[in-house]
Amino acid sequence: ERVFLGLALLHRYRNKREGTRFEDLYEILDEREKQE
């Protein structure tokens, strides 16, 4: 849930999530959760 919340807030200011220093954390979520 922390990563989901963080990713949603990241997309609040940025269209793409690639190219950040946090990409290893994204893997805590599955693909459906990333898309949501």
Full PDB file with SEQRES, HELIX, SHEET, SSBOND, CRYST1, ORIGX, SCALE, CONECT and MASTER records, all heavy atoms in Angstrom:
SEQRES   1 A   36  GLU ARG VAL PHE LEU GLY LEU ALA LEU LEU HIS ARG TYR          
SEQRES   2 A   36  ARG ASN LYS ARG GLU GLY THR ARG PHE GLU ASP LEU TYR          
SEQRES   3 A   36  GLU ILE LEU ASP GLU ARG GLU LYS GLN GLU                      
HELIX    1 AA1 ARG A    2  TYR A   13  1                                  12    
HELIX    2 AA2 GLU A   23  TYR A   26  1                                   4    
HELIX    3 AA3 GLU A   31  GLN A   35  1                                   5    
CRYST1    1.000    1.000    1.000  90.00  90.00  90.00 P 1           1          
ORIGX1      1.000000  0.000000  0.000000        0.00000                         
ORIGX2      0.000000  1.000000  0.000000        0.00000                         
ORIGX3      0.000000  0.000000  1.000000        0.00000                         
SCALE1      1.000000  0.000000  0.000000        0.00000                         
SCALE2      0.000000  1.000000  0.000000        0.00000                         
SCALE3      0.000000  0.000000  1.000000        0.00000                         
ATOM      1  N   GLU A   1       0.829  -1.211   0.000  1.00  0.00           N  
ATOM      2  CA  GLU A   1       0.000   0.000   0.000  1.00  0.00           C  
ATOM      3  C   GLU A   1       0.862   1.261   0.000  1.00  0.00           C  
ATOM      4  O   GLU A   1       0.493   2.268  -0.618  1.00  0.00           O  
ATOM      5  CB  GLU A   1      -0.938  -0.012   1.206  1.00  0.00           C  
ATOM      6  CG  GLU A   1      -2.012  -1.071   1.122  1.00  0.00           C  
ATOM      7  CD  GLU A   1      -2.820  -1.213   2.397  1.00  0.00           C  
ATOM      8  OE1 GLU A   1      -2.287  -0.925   3.496  1.00  0.00           O  
ATOM      9  OE2 GLU A   1      -3.985  -1.640   2.309  1.00  0.00           O  
ATOM     10  N   ARG A   2       1.991   1.200   0.680  1.00  0.00           N  
ATOM     11  CA  ARG A   2       2.917   2.339   0.637  1.00  0.00           C  
ATOM     12  C   ARG A   2       3.378   2.604  -0.797  1.00  0.00           C  
ATOM     13  O   ARG A   2       3.406   3.755  -1.260  1.00  0.00           O  
ATOM     14  CB  ARG A   2       4.153   2.054   1.500  1.00  0.00           C  
ATOM     15  CG  ARG A   2       3.967   2.238   2.988  1.00  0.00           C  
ATOM     16  CD  ARG A   2       5.252   1.974   3.737  1.00  0.00           C  
ATOM     17  NE  ARG A   2       5.065   2.181   5.154  1.00  0.00           N  
ATOM     18  CZ  ARG A   2       5.231   3.343   5.790  1.00  0.00           C  
ATOM     19  NH1 ARG A   2       5.617   4.400   5.095  1.00  0.00           N  
ATOM     20  NH2 ARG A   2       5.029   3.451   7.078  1.00  0.00           N  
ATOM     21  N   VAL A   3       3.755   1.550  -1.483  1.00  0.00           N  
ATOM     22  CA  VAL A   3       4.258   1.708  -2.848  1.00  0.00           C  
ATOM     23  C   VAL A   3       3.129   2.147  -3.781  1.00  0.00           C  
ATOM     24  O   VAL A   3       3.326   2.999  -4.655  1.00  0.00           O  
ATOM     25  CB  VAL A   3       4.922   0.415  -3.342  1.00  0.00           C  
ATOM     26  CG1 VAL A   3       5.365   0.544  -4.793  1.00  0.00           C  
ATOM     27  CG2 VAL A   3       6.131   0.079  -2.460  1.00  0.00           C  
ATOM     28  N   PHE A   4       1.934   1.594  -3.606  1.00  0.00           N  
ATOM     29  CA  PHE A   4       0.787   2.028  -4.413  1.00  0.00           C  
ATOM     30  C   PHE A   4       0.526   3.514  -4.216  1.00  0.00           C  
ATOM     31  O   PHE A   4       0.343   4.270  -5.184  1.00  0.00           O  
ATOM     32  CB  PHE A   4      -0.452   1.216  -4.037  1.00  0.00           C  
ATOM     33  CG  PHE A   4      -1.668   1.537  -4.860  1.00  0.00           C  
ATOM     34  CD1 PHE A   4      -1.998   0.765  -5.963  1.00  0.00           C  
ATOM     35  CD2 PHE A   4      -2.484   2.608  -4.549  1.00  0.00           C  
ATOM     36  CE1 PHE A   4      -3.116   1.067  -6.740  1.00  0.00           C  
ATOM     37  CE2 PHE A   4      -3.603   2.922  -5.310  1.00  0.00           C  
ATOM     38  CZ  PHE A   4      -3.919   2.144  -6.410  1.00  0.00           C  
ATOM     39  N   LEU A   5       0.500   3.948  -2.954  1.00  0.00           N  
ATOM     40  CA  LEU A   5       0.275   5.358  -2.649  1.00  0.00           C  
ATOM     41  C   LEU A   5       1.371   6.224  -3.254  1.00  0.00           C  
ATOM     42  O   LEU A   5       1.102   7.273  -3.870  1.00  0.00           O  
ATOM     43  CB  LEU A   5       0.210   5.542  -1.126  1.00  0.00           C  
ATOM     44  CG  LEU A   5       0.018   6.958  -0.586  1.00  0.00           C  
ATOM     45  CD1 LEU A   5      -1.281   7.569  -1.095  1.00  0.00           C  
ATOM     46  CD2 LEU A   5       0.040   6.942   0.946  1.00  0.00           C  
ATOM     47  N   GLY A   6       2.616   5.801  -3.097  1.00  0.00           N  
ATOM     48  CA  GLY A   6       3.734   6.558  -3.654  1.00  0.00           C  
ATOM     49  C   GLY A   6       3.675   6.650  -5.166  1.00  0.00           C  
ATOM     50  O   GLY A   6       3.936   7.715  -5.749  1.00  0.00           O  
ATOM     51  N   LEU A   7       3.305   5.551  -5.814  1.00  0.00           N  
ATOM     52  CA  LEU A   7       3.255   5.544  -7.276  1.00  0.00           C  
ATOM     53  C   LEU A   7       2.120   6.427  -7.788  1.00  0.00           C  
ATOM     54  O   LEU A   7       2.274   7.136  -8.791  1.00  0.00           O  
ATOM     55  CB  LEU A   7       3.085   4.108  -7.771  1.00  0.00           C  
ATOM     56  CG  LEU A   7       3.335   3.852  -9.260  1.00  0.00           C  
ATOM     57  CD1 LEU A   7       4.695   4.370  -9.695  1.00  0.00           C  
ATOM     58  CD2 LEU A   7       3.208   2.363  -9.565  1.00  0.00           C  
ATOM     59  N   ALA A   8       0.979   6.396  -7.100  1.00  0.00           N  
ATOM     60  CA  ALA A   8      -0.124   7.284  -7.484  1.00  0.00           C  
ATOM     61  C   ALA A   8       0.298   8.746  -7.376  1.00  0.00           C  
ATOM     62  O   ALA A   8       0.017   9.562  -8.271  1.00  0.00           O  
ATOM     63  CB  ALA A   8      -1.347   7.009  -6.613  1.00  0.00           C  
ATOM     64  N   LEU A   9       0.981   9.100  -6.306  1.00  0.00           N  
ATOM     65  CA  LEU A   9       1.424  10.484  -6.124  1.00  0.00           C  
ATOM     66  C   LEU A   9       2.521  10.856  -7.114  1.00  0.00           C  
ATOM     67  O   LEU A   9       2.612  12.008  -7.555  1.00  0.00           O  
ATOM     68  CB  LEU A   9       1.896  10.691  -4.683  1.00  0.00           C  
ATOM     69  CG  LEU A   9       0.780  10.625  -3.634  1.00  0.00           C  
ATOM     70  CD1 LEU A   9       1.358  10.575  -2.228  1.00  0.00           C  
ATOM     71  CD2 LEU A   9      -0.166  11.804  -3.778  1.00  0.00           C  
ATOM     72  N   LEU A  10       3.354   9.892  -7.484  1.00  0.00           N  
ATOM     73  CA  LEU A  10       4.351  10.147  -8.524  1.00  0.00           C  
ATOM     74  C   LEU A  10       3.659  10.504  -9.839  1.00  0.00           C  
ATOM     75  O   LEU A  10       4.034  11.469 -10.519  1.00  0.00           O  
ATOM     76  CB  LEU A  10       5.254   8.933  -8.672  1.00  0.00           C  
ATOM     77  CG  LEU A  10       6.411   9.035  -9.683  1.00  0.00           C  
ATOM     78  CD1 LEU A  10       7.614   8.256  -9.168  1.00  0.00           C  
ATOM     79  CD2 LEU A  10       6.033   8.528 -11.062  1.00  0.00           C  
ATOM     80  N   HIS A  11       2.602   9.741 -10.188  1.00  0.00           N  
ATOM     81  CA  HIS A  11       1.876  10.014 -11.426  1.00  0.00           C  
ATOM     82  C   HIS A  11       1.024  11.278 -11.327  1.00  0.00           C  
ATOM     83  O   HIS A  11       0.573  11.784 -12.352  1.00  0.00           O  
ATOM     84  CB  HIS A  11       1.010   8.814 -11.811  1.00  0.00           C  
ATOM     85  CG  HIS A  11       1.765   7.716 -12.486  1.00  0.00           C  
ATOM     86  ND1 HIS A  11       2.356   7.878 -13.725  1.00  0.00           N  
ATOM     87  CD2 HIS A  11       2.037   6.438 -12.102  1.00  0.00           C  
ATOM     88  CE1 HIS A  11       2.945   6.746 -14.082  1.00  0.00           C  
ATOM     89  NE2 HIS A  11       2.771   5.859 -13.110  1.00  0.00           N  
ATOM     90  N   ARG A  12       0.807  11.770 -10.132  1.00  0.00           N  
ATOM     91  CA  ARG A  12       0.136  13.068  -9.985  1.00  0.00           C  
ATOM     92  C   ARG A  12       0.958  14.175 -10.635  1.00  0.00           C  
ATOM     93  O   ARG A  12       0.429  15.185 -11.119  1.00  0.00           O  
ATOM     94  CB  ARG A  12      -0.082  13.344  -8.487  1.00  0.00           C  
ATOM     95  CG  ARG A  12      -0.296  14.785  -8.060  1.00  0.00           C  
ATOM     96  CD  ARG A  12      -1.599  15.360  -8.551  1.00  0.00           C  
ATOM     97  NE  ARG A  12      -1.791  16.731  -8.090  1.00  0.00           N  
ATOM     98  CZ  ARG A  12      -1.363  17.822  -8.721  1.00  0.00           C  
ATOM     99  NH1 ARG A  12      -0.671  17.721  -9.838  1.00  0.00           N  
ATOM    100  NH2 ARG A  12      -1.619  19.015  -8.228  1.00  0.00           N  
ATOM    101  N   TYR A  13       2.281  13.985 -10.679  1.00  0.00           N  
ATOM    102  CA  TYR A  13       3.164  15.016 -11.219  1.00  0.00           C  
ATOM    103  C   TYR A  13       3.942  14.562 -12.450  1.00  0.00           C  
ATOM    104  O   TYR A  13       4.661  15.363 -13.044  1.00  0.00           O  
ATOM    105  CB  TYR A  13       4.164  15.464 -10.150  1.00  0.00           C  
ATOM    106  CG  TYR A  13       3.519  16.276  -9.057  1.00  0.00           C  
ATOM    107  CD1 TYR A  13       3.258  15.710  -7.809  1.00  0.00           C  
ATOM    108  CD2 TYR A  13       3.147  17.595  -9.277  1.00  0.00           C  
ATOM    109  CE1 TYR A  13       2.656  16.455  -6.808  1.00  0.00           C  
ATOM    110  CE2 TYR A  13       2.546  18.344  -8.272  1.00  0.00           C  
ATOM    111  CZ  TYR A  13       2.298  17.771  -7.045  1.00  0.00           C  
ATOM    112  OH  TYR A  13       1.698  18.502  -6.058  1.00  0.00           O  
ATOM    113  N   ARG A  14       3.815  13.302 -12.815  1.00  0.00           N  
ATOM    114  CA  ARG A  14       4.654  12.794 -13.892  1.00  0.00           C  
ATOM    115  C   ARG A  14       3.914  11.696 -14.641  1.00  0.00           C  
ATOM    116  O   ARG A  14       3.342  10.790 -14.019  1.00  0.00           O  
ATOM    117  CB  ARG A  14       5.956  12.259 -13.285  1.00  0.00           C  
ATOM    118  CG  ARG A  14       6.919  11.596 -14.234  1.00  0.00           C  
ATOM    119  CD  ARG A  14       8.201  11.275 -13.501  1.00  0.00           C  
ATOM    120  NE  ARG A  14       9.060  10.434 -14.328  1.00  0.00           N  
ATOM    121  CZ  ARG A  14      10.372  10.330 -14.163  1.00  0.00           C  
ATOM    122  NH1 ARG A  14      10.969  11.022 -13.212  1.00  0.00           N  
ATOM    123  NH2 ARG A  14      11.086   9.546 -14.923  1.00  0.00           N  
ATOM    124  N   ASN A  15       3.927  11.770 -15.992  1.00  0.00           N  
ATOM    125  CA  ASN A  15       3.207  10.771 -16.778  1.00  0.00           C  
ATOM    126  C   ASN A  15       3.850   9.397 -16.702  1.00  0.00           C  
ATOM    127  O   ASN A  15       3.171   8.387 -16.555  1.00  0.00           O  
ATOM    128  CB  ASN A  15       3.128  11.213 -18.243  1.00  0.00           C  
ATOM    129  CG  ASN A  15       1.908  12.087 -18.511  1.00  0.00           C  
ATOM    130  OD1 ASN A  15       0.852  11.878 -17.932  1.00  0.00           O  
ATOM    131  ND2 ASN A  15       2.061  13.071 -19.380  1.00  0.00           N  
ATOM    132  N   LYS A  16       5.167   9.332 -16.802  1.00  0.00           N  
ATOM    133  CA  LYS A  16       5.866   8.052 -16.856  1.00  0.00           C  
ATOM    134  C   LYS A  16       6.591   7.774 -15.545  1.00  0.00           C  
ATOM    135  O   LYS A  16       7.147   8.670 -14.931  1.00  0.00           O  
ATOM    136  CB  LYS A  16       6.856   8.039 -18.017  1.00  0.00           C  
ATOM    137  CG  LYS A  16       6.180   8.141 -19.388  1.00  0.00           C  
ATOM    138  CD  LYS A  16       7.213   8.069 -20.506  1.00  0.00           C  
ATOM    139  CE  LYS A  16       6.541   8.133 -21.876  1.00  0.00           C  
ATOM    140  NZ  LYS A  16       7.535   8.059 -22.970  1.00  0.00           N  
ATOM    141  N   ARG A  17       6.597   6.521 -15.158  1.00  0.00           N  
ATOM    142  CA  ARG A  17       7.289   6.133 -13.930  1.00  0.00           C  
ATOM    143  C   ARG A  17       8.691   5.589 -14.198  1.00  0.00           C  
ATOM    144  O   ARG A  17       9.473   5.406 -13.271  1.00  0.00           O  
ATOM    145  CB  ARG A  17       6.478   5.111 -13.160  1.00  0.00           C  
ATOM    146  CG  ARG A  17       6.117   3.844 -13.914  1.00  0.00           C  
ATOM    147  CD  ARG A  17       5.277   2.925 -13.030  1.00  0.00           C  
ATOM    148  NE  ARG A  17       4.694   1.817 -13.762  1.00  0.00           N  
ATOM    149  CZ  ARG A  17       3.505   1.834 -14.325  1.00  0.00           C  
ATOM    150  NH1 ARG A  17       2.777   2.949 -14.264  1.00  0.00           N  
ATOM    151  NH2 ARG A  17       3.027   0.778 -14.953  1.00  0.00           N  
ATOM    152  N   GLU A  18       8.999   5.310 -15.445  1.00  0.00           N  
ATOM    153  CA  GLU A  18      10.324   4.788 -15.776  1.00  0.00           C  
ATOM    154  C   GLU A  18      11.379   5.886 -15.602  1.00  0.00           C  
ATOM    155  O   GLU A  18      11.096   7.073 -15.735  1.00  0.00           O  
ATOM    156  CB  GLU A  18      10.352   4.283 -17.215  1.00  0.00           C  
ATOM    157  CG  GLU A  18       9.492   3.053 -17.470  1.00  0.00           C  
ATOM    158  CD  GLU A  18       8.013   3.369 -17.592  1.00  0.00           C  
ATOM    159  OE1 GLU A  18       7.671   4.554 -17.826  1.00  0.00           O  
ATOM    160  OE2 GLU A  18       7.197   2.438 -17.437  1.00  0.00           O  
ATOM    161  N   GLY A  19      12.595   5.439 -15.305  1.00  0.00           N  
ATOM    162  CA  GLY A  19      13.704   6.381 -15.215  1.00  0.00           C  
ATOM    163  C   GLY A  19      13.899   7.007 -13.857  1.00  0.00           C  
ATOM    164  O   GLY A  19      14.680   7.951 -13.702  1.00  0.00           O  
ATOM    165  N   THR A  20      13.209   6.497 -12.823  1.00  0.00           N  
ATOM    166  CA  THR A  20      13.428   7.002 -11.472  1.00  0.00           C  
ATOM    167  C   THR A  20      14.341   6.035 -10.717  1.00  0.00           C  
ATOM    168  O   THR A  20      14.602   4.917 -11.171  1.00  0.00           O  
ATOM    169  CB  THR A  20      12.105   7.139 -10.696  1.00  0.00           C  
ATOM    170  OG1 THR A  20      11.646   5.831 -10.317  1.00  0.00           O  
ATOM    171  CG2 THR A  20      11.040   7.833 -11.532  1.00  0.00           C  
ATOM    172  N   ARG A  21      14.778   6.460  -9.550  1.00  0.00           N  
ATOM    173  CA  ARG A  21      15.638   5.608  -8.728  1.00  0.00           C  
ATOM    174  C   ARG A  21      14.829   4.607  -7.894  1.00  0.00           C  
ATOM    175  O   ARG A  21      15.383   3.893  -7.053  1.00  0.00           O  
ATOM    176  CB  ARG A  21      16.515   6.465  -7.815  1.00  0.00           C  
ATOM    177  CG  ARG A  21      15.751   7.414  -6.925  1.00  0.00           C  
ATOM    178  CD  ARG A  21      16.675   8.435  -6.262  1.00  0.00           C  
ATOM    179  NE  ARG A  21      15.947   9.483  -5.575  1.00  0.00           N  
ATOM    180  CZ  ARG A  21      15.602   9.439  -4.291  1.00  0.00           C  
ATOM    181  NH1 ARG A  21      15.925   8.387  -3.553  1.00  0.00           N  
ATOM    182  NH2 ARG A  21      14.943  10.449  -3.738  1.00  0.00           N  
ATOM    183  N   PHE A  22      13.509   4.564  -8.119  1.00  0.00           N  
ATOM    184  CA  PHE A  22      12.650   3.722  -7.293  1.00  0.00           C  
ATOM    185  C   PHE A  22      12.133   2.486  -8.030  1.00  0.00           C  
ATOM    186  O   PHE A  22      11.260   1.793  -7.529  1.00  0.00           O  
ATOM    187  CB  PHE A  22      11.433   4.526  -6.807  1.00  0.00           C  
ATOM    188  CG  PHE A  22      11.786   5.784  -6.069  1.00  0.00           C  
ATOM    189  CD1 PHE A  22      11.429   7.023  -6.576  1.00  0.00           C  
ATOM    190  CD2 PHE A  22      12.472   5.728  -4.871  1.00  0.00           C  
ATOM    191  CE1 PHE A  22      11.751   8.184  -5.902  1.00  0.00           C  
ATOM    192  CE2 PHE A  22      12.796   6.884  -4.183  1.00  0.00           C  
ATOM    193  CZ  PHE A  22      12.440   8.110  -4.696  1.00  0.00           C  
ATOM    194  N   GLU A  23      12.661   2.213  -9.201  1.00  0.00           N  
ATOM    195  CA  GLU A  23      12.044   1.173 -10.035  1.00  0.00           C  
ATOM    196  C   GLU A  23      12.056  -0.205  -9.384  1.00  0.00           C  
ATOM    197  O   GLU A  23      11.167  -1.025  -9.649  1.00  0.00           O  
ATOM    198  CB  GLU A  23      12.711   1.142 -11.413  1.00  0.00           C  
ATOM    199  CG  GLU A  23      12.405   2.405 -12.227  1.00  0.00           C  
ATOM    200  CD  GLU A  23      12.833   2.298 -13.682  1.00  0.00           C  
ATOM    201  OE1 GLU A  23      12.620   1.234 -14.288  1.00  0.00           O  
ATOM    202  OE2 GLU A  23      13.383   3.278 -14.196  1.00  0.00           O  
ATOM    203  N   ASP A  24      13.040  -0.472  -8.523  1.00  0.00           N  
ATOM    204  CA  ASP A  24      13.050  -1.777  -7.862  1.00  0.00           C  
ATOM    205  C   ASP A  24      11.865  -1.919  -6.897  1.00  0.00           C  
ATOM    206  O   ASP A  24      11.371  -3.019  -6.664  1.00  0.00           O  
ATOM    207  CB  ASP A  24      14.370  -2.018  -7.126  1.00  0.00           C  
ATOM    208  CG  ASP A  24      14.692  -0.937  -6.104  1.00  0.00           C  
ATOM    209  OD1 ASP A  24      14.177   0.192  -6.235  1.00  0.00           O  
ATOM    210  OD2 ASP A  24      15.478  -1.213  -5.176  1.00  0.00           O  
ATOM    211  N   LEU A  25      11.386  -0.782  -6.367  1.00  0.00           N  
ATOM    212  CA  LEU A  25      10.245  -0.834  -5.446  1.00  0.00           C  
ATOM    213  C   LEU A  25       8.937  -1.129  -6.164  1.00  0.00           C  
ATOM    214  O   LEU A  25       8.004  -1.679  -5.571  1.00  0.00           O  
ATOM    215  CB  LEU A  25      10.115   0.487  -4.679  1.00  0.00           C  
ATOM    216  CG  LEU A  25      11.268   0.851  -3.751  1.00  0.00           C  
ATOM    217  CD1 LEU A  25      11.003   2.191  -3.080  1.00  0.00           C  
ATOM    218  CD2 LEU A  25      11.486  -0.219  -2.696  1.00  0.00           C  
ATOM    219  N   TYR A  26       8.849  -0.756  -7.424  1.00  0.00           N  
ATOM    220  CA  TYR A  26       7.620  -1.009  -8.172  1.00  0.00           C  
ATOM    221  C   TYR A  26       7.282  -2.499  -8.196  1.00  0.00           C  
ATOM    222  O   TYR A  26       6.112  -2.874  -8.319  1.00  0.00           O  
ATOM    223  CB  TYR A  26       7.729  -0.522  -9.619  1.00  0.00           C  
ATOM    224  CG  TYR A  26       8.072   0.933  -9.817  1.00  0.00           C  
ATOM    225  CD1 TYR A  26       8.564   1.385 -11.043  1.00  0.00           C  
ATOM    226  CD2 TYR A  26       7.912   1.876  -8.804  1.00  0.00           C  
ATOM    227  CE1 TYR A  26       8.882   2.716 -11.265  1.00  0.00           C  
ATOM    228  CE2 TYR A  26       8.238   3.215  -9.007  1.00  0.00           C  
ATOM    229  CZ  TYR A  26       8.720   3.633 -10.242  1.00  0.00           C  
ATOM    230  OH  TYR A  26       9.048   4.944 -10.447  1.00  0.00           O  
ATOM    231  N   GLU A  27       8.308  -3.336  -8.090  1.00  0.00           N  
ATOM    232  CA  GLU A  27       8.090  -4.776  -8.219  1.00  0.00           C  
ATOM    233  C   GLU A  27       7.345  -5.361  -7.028  1.00  0.00           C  
ATOM    234  O   GLU A  27       6.942  -6.529  -7.052  1.00  0.00           O  
ATOM    235  CB  GLU A  27       9.424  -5.497  -8.418  1.00  0.00           C  
ATOM    236  CG  GLU A  27      10.160  -5.061  -9.680  1.00  0.00           C  
ATOM    237  CD  GLU A  27       9.254  -5.032 -10.898  1.00  0.00           C  
ATOM    238  OE1 GLU A  27       8.599  -6.067 -11.169  1.00  0.00           O  
ATOM    239  OE2 GLU A  27       9.192  -3.981 -11.578  1.00  0.00           O  
ATOM    240  N   ILE A  28       7.165  -4.567  -5.969  1.00  0.00           N  
ATOM    241  CA  ILE A  28       6.342  -5.017  -4.847  1.00  0.00           C  
ATOM    242  C   ILE A  28       4.876  -5.111  -5.275  1.00  0.00           C  
ATOM    243  O   ILE A  28       4.085  -5.853  -4.686  1.00  0.00           O  
ATOM    244  CB  ILE A  28       6.523  -4.057  -3.640  1.00  0.00           C  
ATOM    245  CG1 ILE A  28       7.958  -4.222  -3.077  1.00  0.00           C  
ATOM    246  CG2 ILE A  28       5.506  -4.301  -2.539  1.00  0.00           C  
ATOM    247  CD1 ILE A  28       8.310  -3.260  -1.973  1.00  0.00           C  
ATOM    248  N   LEU A  29       4.507  -4.376  -6.327  1.00  0.00           N  
ATOM    249  CA  LEU A  29       3.152  -4.395  -6.866  1.00  0.00           C  
ATOM    250  C   LEU A  29       3.075  -5.319  -8.077  1.00  0.00           C  
ATOM    251  O   LEU A  29       4.055  -5.493  -8.800  1.00  0.00           O  
ATOM    252  CB  LEU A  29       2.721  -2.988  -7.292  1.00  0.00           C  
ATOM    253  CG  LEU A  29       2.785  -1.875  -6.246  1.00  0.00           C  
ATOM    254  CD1 LEU A  29       2.359  -0.560  -6.871  1.00  0.00           C  
ATOM    255  CD2 LEU A  29       1.924  -2.213  -5.041  1.00  0.00           C  
ATOM    256  N   ASP A  30       1.883  -5.855  -8.333  1.00  0.00           N  
ATOM    257  CA  ASP A  30       1.692  -6.589  -9.580  1.00  0.00           C  
ATOM    258  C   ASP A  30       1.296  -5.594 -10.674  1.00  0.00           C  
ATOM    259  O   ASP A  30       1.083  -4.404 -10.408  1.00  0.00           O  
ATOM    260  CB  ASP A  30       0.674  -7.722  -9.428  1.00  0.00           C  
ATOM    261  CG  ASP A  30      -0.722  -7.238  -9.027  1.00  0.00           C  
ATOM    262  OD1 ASP A  30      -1.114  -6.116  -9.412  1.00  0.00           O  
ATOM    263  OD2 ASP A  30      -1.437  -7.998  -8.344  1.00  0.00           O  
ATOM    264  N   GLU A  31       1.180  -6.073 -11.902  1.00  0.00           N  
ATOM    265  CA  GLU A  31       0.933  -5.173 -13.034  1.00  0.00           C  
ATOM    266  C   GLU A  31      -0.414  -4.463 -12.917  1.00  0.00           C  
ATOM    267  O   GLU A  31      -0.542  -3.284 -13.274  1.00  0.00           O  
ATOM    268  CB  GLU A  31       1.004  -5.957 -14.347  1.00  0.00           C  
ATOM    269  CG  GLU A  31       2.410  -6.419 -14.712  1.00  0.00           C  
ATOM    270  CD  GLU A  31       3.396  -5.253 -14.800  1.00  0.00           C  
ATOM    271  OE1 GLU A  31       3.042  -4.201 -15.391  1.00  0.00           O  
ATOM    272  OE2 GLU A  31       4.513  -5.386 -14.277  1.00  0.00           O  
ATOM    273  N   ARG A  32      -1.427  -5.166 -12.418  1.00  0.00           N  
ATOM    274  CA  ARG A  32      -2.740  -4.532 -12.257  1.00  0.00           C  
ATOM    275  C   ARG A  32      -2.673  -3.394 -11.252  1.00  0.00           C  
ATOM    276  O   ARG A  32      -3.258  -2.319 -11.467  1.00  0.00           O  
ATOM    277  CB  ARG A  32      -3.768  -5.579 -11.812  1.00  0.00           C  
ATOM    278  CG  ARG A  32      -5.178  -5.014 -11.617  1.00  0.00           C  
ATOM    279  CD  ARG A  32      -6.114  -6.081 -11.064  1.00  0.00           C  
ATOM    280  NE  ARG A  32      -5.628  -6.624  -9.809  1.00  0.00           N  
ATOM    281  CZ  ARG A  32      -5.806  -6.036  -8.627  1.00  0.00           C  
ATOM    282  NH1 ARG A  32      -6.429  -4.875  -8.544  1.00  0.00           N  
ATOM    283  NH2 ARG A  32      -5.344  -6.602  -7.528  1.00  0.00           N  
ATOM    284  N   GLU A  33      -1.963  -3.594 -10.151  1.00  0.00           N  
ATOM    285  CA  GLU A  33      -1.841  -2.551  -9.133  1.00  0.00           C  
ATOM    286  C   GLU A  33      -1.070  -1.345  -9.664  1.00  0.00           C  
ATOM    287  O   GLU A  33      -1.416  -0.192  -9.374  1.00  0.00           O  
ATOM    288  CB  GLU A  33      -1.160  -3.121  -7.891  1.00  0.00           C  
ATOM    289  CG  GLU A  33      -2.012  -4.109  -7.122  1.00  0.00           C  
ATOM    290  CD  GLU A  33      -1.242  -4.847  -6.050  1.00  0.00           C  
ATOM    291  OE1 GLU A  33      -0.042  -5.137  -6.260  1.00  0.00           O  
ATOM    292  OE2 GLU A  33      -1.829  -5.139  -4.997  1.00  0.00           O  
ATOM    293  N   LYS A  34      -0.029  -1.596 -10.444  1.00  0.00           N  
ATOM    294  CA  LYS A  34       0.716  -0.485 -11.051  1.00  0.00           C  
ATOM    295  C   LYS A  34      -0.190   0.346 -11.957  1.00  0.00           C  
ATOM    296  O   LYS A  34      -0.136   1.581 -11.948  1.00  0.00           O  
ATOM    297  CB  LYS A  34       1.907  -1.013 -11.852  1.00  0.00           C  
ATOM    298  CG  LYS A  34       3.000  -1.659 -11.030  1.00  0.00           C  
ATOM    299  CD  LYS A  34       4.073  -2.236 -11.956  1.00  0.00           C  
ATOM    300  CE  LYS A  34       4.998  -3.189 -11.232  1.00  0.00           C  
ATOM    301  NZ  LYS A  34       5.961  -3.825 -12.155  1.00  0.00           N  
ATOM    302  N   GLN A  35      -1.008  -0.348 -12.734  1.00  0.00           N  
ATOM    303  CA  GLN A  35      -1.895   0.355 -13.649  1.00  0.00           C  
ATOM    304  C   GLN A  35      -2.950   1.165 -12.890  1.00  0.00           C  
ATOM    305  O   GLN A  35      -3.268   2.304 -13.253  1.00  0.00           O  
ATOM    306  CB  GLN A  35      -2.562  -0.654 -14.587  1.00  0.00           C  
ATOM    307  CG  GLN A  35      -3.194  -0.050 -15.831  1.00  0.00           C  
ATOM    308  CD  GLN A  35      -4.672   0.246 -15.652  1.00  0.00           C  
ATOM    309  OE1 GLN A  35      -5.309  -0.283 -14.739  1.00  0.00           O  
ATOM    310  NE2 GLN A  35      -5.217   1.099 -16.521  1.00  0.00           N  
ATOM    311  N   GLU A  36      -3.490   0.597 -11.809  1.00  0.00           N  
ATOM    312  CA  GLU A  36      -4.473   1.314 -10.995  1.00  0.00           C  
ATOM    313  C   GLU A  36      -3.853   2.559 -10.362  1.00  0.00           C  
ATOM    314  O   GLU A  36      -4.486   3.620 -10.288  1.00  0.00           O  
ATOM    315  CB  GLU A  36      -5.013   0.404  -9.892  1.00  0.00           C  
ATOM    316  CG  GLU A  36      -6.037  -0.602 -10.355  1.00  0.00           C  
ATOM    317  CD  GLU A  36      -6.600  -1.415  -9.203  1.00  0.00           C  
ATOM    318  OE1 GLU A  36      -6.275  -1.090  -8.037  1.00  0.00           O  
ATOM    319  OE2 GLU A  36      -7.345  -2.361  -9.458  1.00  0.00           O  
TER     320      GLU A  36                                                      
MASTER        0    0    0    3    0    0    0    6  319    1    0    3          
END                                                                             
